[in-house]
Every structure is written in C-alpha cells, then in structure tokens.
Amino acid sequence: MKILKTLKIGYEDYTIEYWNPTHATTTEAYGEFFAKEKKIGIDGAQTGAALVNTVIHEALHGVCYQLGLQLKDDEEERICNSMANGLTQILKDNPDFVEWIRQNINKP
C-alpha cells in the first residue's frame, strides 16, 4: 500500500501523520486537521474506504480553513462529514469515474 505523506490544500502543503491506534483512541477521532502546524493526523489502523474517507474529511476541513469559510465548529463538522461520506461513496461505486478524473484533470 502506498503511504500518502503530504497533501496540498490551497497554497499550503500539509504533512500527514499516521497515529498508532492508542493515540487515535485517546483523542476519540479517526483524524484531525491542524491548521497552524500544517499537518493532518490519521488513525493508522484504518484501511480501505474508511482511510480514504478520513483523509477526504480532513482535507475538507483544510478547504474550509484555506477559503476562510469561518463556520461554527458543529456546522463545519457536519458539512465535512456529510460531504466526505458522499464523495467516498461516489468514488467507491464508480471506479471508472476515478480513472476518468486521473486522465482528464491536467488537460488544458
């Protein structure tokens, strides 16, 4: 499995840290976005769609931060969670869509 080490969101590069399950359990989170530290923490025990969903979820927090959306914490969490769940399901259910994106994303 390829390990994702960084993720560019807006004009910043965020380092991805994979937490051991003990740390993730103590924080009661599968992931967390740290704006000032420019990092994303992920529960390293996750795999498959759960892992993808968590990375997308935290990336969406990064988008909110980069765009200055200034949502209330509960609003941002609901939006990021709903959008990540929906997008993950679309990507999982449509592998041809993922390949189509890959082939077309950088074309002029």
Protein backbone atom coordinates (compact mmCIF):
# COMPACT_ATOMS: atom_id res chain seq x y z
CA MET A 1 0.00 0.00 0.00
CA LYS A 2 1.30 3.43 -0.94
CA ILE A 3 1.57 5.82 2.01
CA LEU A 4 0.33 9.36 1.40
CA LYS A 5 2.88 11.64 3.09
CA THR A 6 1.66 15.11 2.14
CA LEU A 7 -1.46 16.75 0.80
CA LYS A 8 -1.52 20.17 -0.87
CA ILE A 9 -4.59 22.18 0.06
CA GLY A 10 -4.75 25.70 -1.31
CA TYR A 11 -1.29 27.22 -1.10
CA GLU A 12 -0.04 25.01 1.76
CA ASP A 13 1.43 21.53 1.95
CA TYR A 14 0.19 19.51 4.91
CA THR A 15 2.17 16.61 6.34
CA ILE A 16 0.16 13.51 7.07
CA GLU A 17 0.96 11.71 10.32
CA TYR A 18 -0.32 8.20 10.89
CA TRP A 19 -1.16 7.77 14.57
CA ASN A 20 -0.92 4.49 16.38
CA PRO A 21 -4.34 3.16 17.41
CA THR A 22 -3.73 4.06 21.07
CA HIS A 23 -3.30 7.76 20.26
CA ALA A 24 -6.30 7.80 17.94
CA THR A 25 -8.43 6.11 20.61
CA THR A 26 -7.44 8.62 23.30
CA THR A 27 -8.45 11.51 21.07
CA GLU A 28 -11.66 9.69 20.04
CA ALA A 29 -11.05 10.69 16.44
CA TYR A 30 -10.14 8.93 13.22
CA GLY A 31 -8.37 12.05 12.04
CA GLU A 32 -7.69 15.67 12.83
CA PHE A 33 -6.70 18.77 10.84
CA PHE A 34 -4.09 21.08 12.38
CA ALA A 35 -4.01 24.41 10.52
CA LYS A 36 -1.14 26.12 12.35
CA GLU A 37 1.06 23.02 12.41
CA LYS A 38 0.27 22.30 8.74
CA LYS A 39 -0.47 18.65 9.40
CA ILE A 40 -3.21 16.08 9.31
CA GLY A 41 -3.31 13.26 11.82
CA ILE A 42 -4.87 9.96 10.75
CA ASP A 43 -5.63 6.79 12.72
CA GLY A 44 -3.05 4.48 11.16
CA ALA A 45 -5.12 1.37 11.82
CA GLN A 46 -7.64 2.36 9.16
CA THR A 47 -7.62 0.80 5.70
CA GLY A 48 -9.69 0.87 2.55
CA ALA A 49 -12.70 3.15 2.23
CA ALA A 50 -12.50 4.18 5.90
CA LEU A 51 -8.97 5.51 5.40
CA VAL A 52 -9.92 7.31 2.18
CA ASN A 53 -12.98 8.80 3.86
CA THR A 54 -10.94 10.10 6.79
CA VAL A 55 -8.35 11.74 4.53
CA ILE A 56 -11.09 13.35 2.43
CA HIS A 57 -12.86 14.51 5.61
CA GLU A 58 -9.72 16.16 6.98
CA ALA A 59 -8.89 17.64 3.57
CA LEU A 60 -12.34 19.27 3.56
CA HIS A 61 -11.52 20.86 6.92
CA GLY A 62 -8.41 22.19 5.18
CA VAL A 63 -10.51 23.61 2.36
CA CYS A 64 -12.76 25.36 4.90
CA TYR A 65 -9.69 26.82 6.57
CA GLN A 66 -7.95 27.86 3.34
CA LEU A 67 -11.08 29.52 1.97
CA GLY A 68 -11.81 31.30 5.25
CA LEU A 69 -15.33 29.92 5.50
CA GLN A 70 -15.46 30.55 9.26
CA LEU A 71 -18.22 28.10 10.04
CA LYS A 72 -19.27 27.20 13.56
CA ASP A 73 -17.45 24.05 14.71
CA ASP A 74 -20.59 21.89 14.66
CA GLU A 75 -21.59 23.21 11.21
CA GLU A 76 -18.16 22.58 9.74
CA GLU A 77 -18.04 19.08 11.20
CA ARG A 78 -21.48 18.16 9.80
CA ILE A 79 -20.62 19.57 6.37
CA CYS A 80 -17.21 17.89 6.19
CA ASN A 81 -18.60 14.59 7.43
CA SER A 82 -21.56 14.57 5.03
CA MET A 83 -19.52 15.62 2.01
CA ALA A 84 -16.69 13.17 2.75
CA ASN A 85 -19.16 10.30 3.19
CA GLY A 86 -20.94 11.16 -0.05
CA LEU A 87 -17.77 11.68 -2.07
CA THR A 88 -16.17 8.49 -0.74
CA GLN A 89 -19.25 6.52 -1.76
CA ILE A 90 -19.22 8.07 -5.25
CA LEU A 91 -15.54 7.20 -5.68
CA LYS A 92 -16.01 3.66 -4.35
CA ASP A 93 -19.08 2.96 -6.51
CA ASN A 94 -17.62 4.44 -9.70
CA PRO A 95 -14.06 3.25 -10.37
CA ASP A 96 -14.35 4.43 -13.98
CA PHE A 97 -15.01 7.94 -12.66
CA VAL A 98 -11.77 7.83 -10.66
CA GLU A 99 -9.84 6.79 -13.78
CA TRP A 100 -11.63 9.45 -15.86
CA ILE A 101 -10.58 12.11 -13.35
CA ARG A 102 -6.99 10.88 -13.46
CA GLN A 103 -6.92 11.07 -17.25
CA ASN A 104 -8.54 14.48 -17.55
CA ILE A 105 -7.60 16.54 -14.51
CA ASN A 106 -4.49 18.16 -16.02
CA LYS A 107 -5.62 18.55 -19.62
CA PRO A 108 -5.92 22.13 -20.87
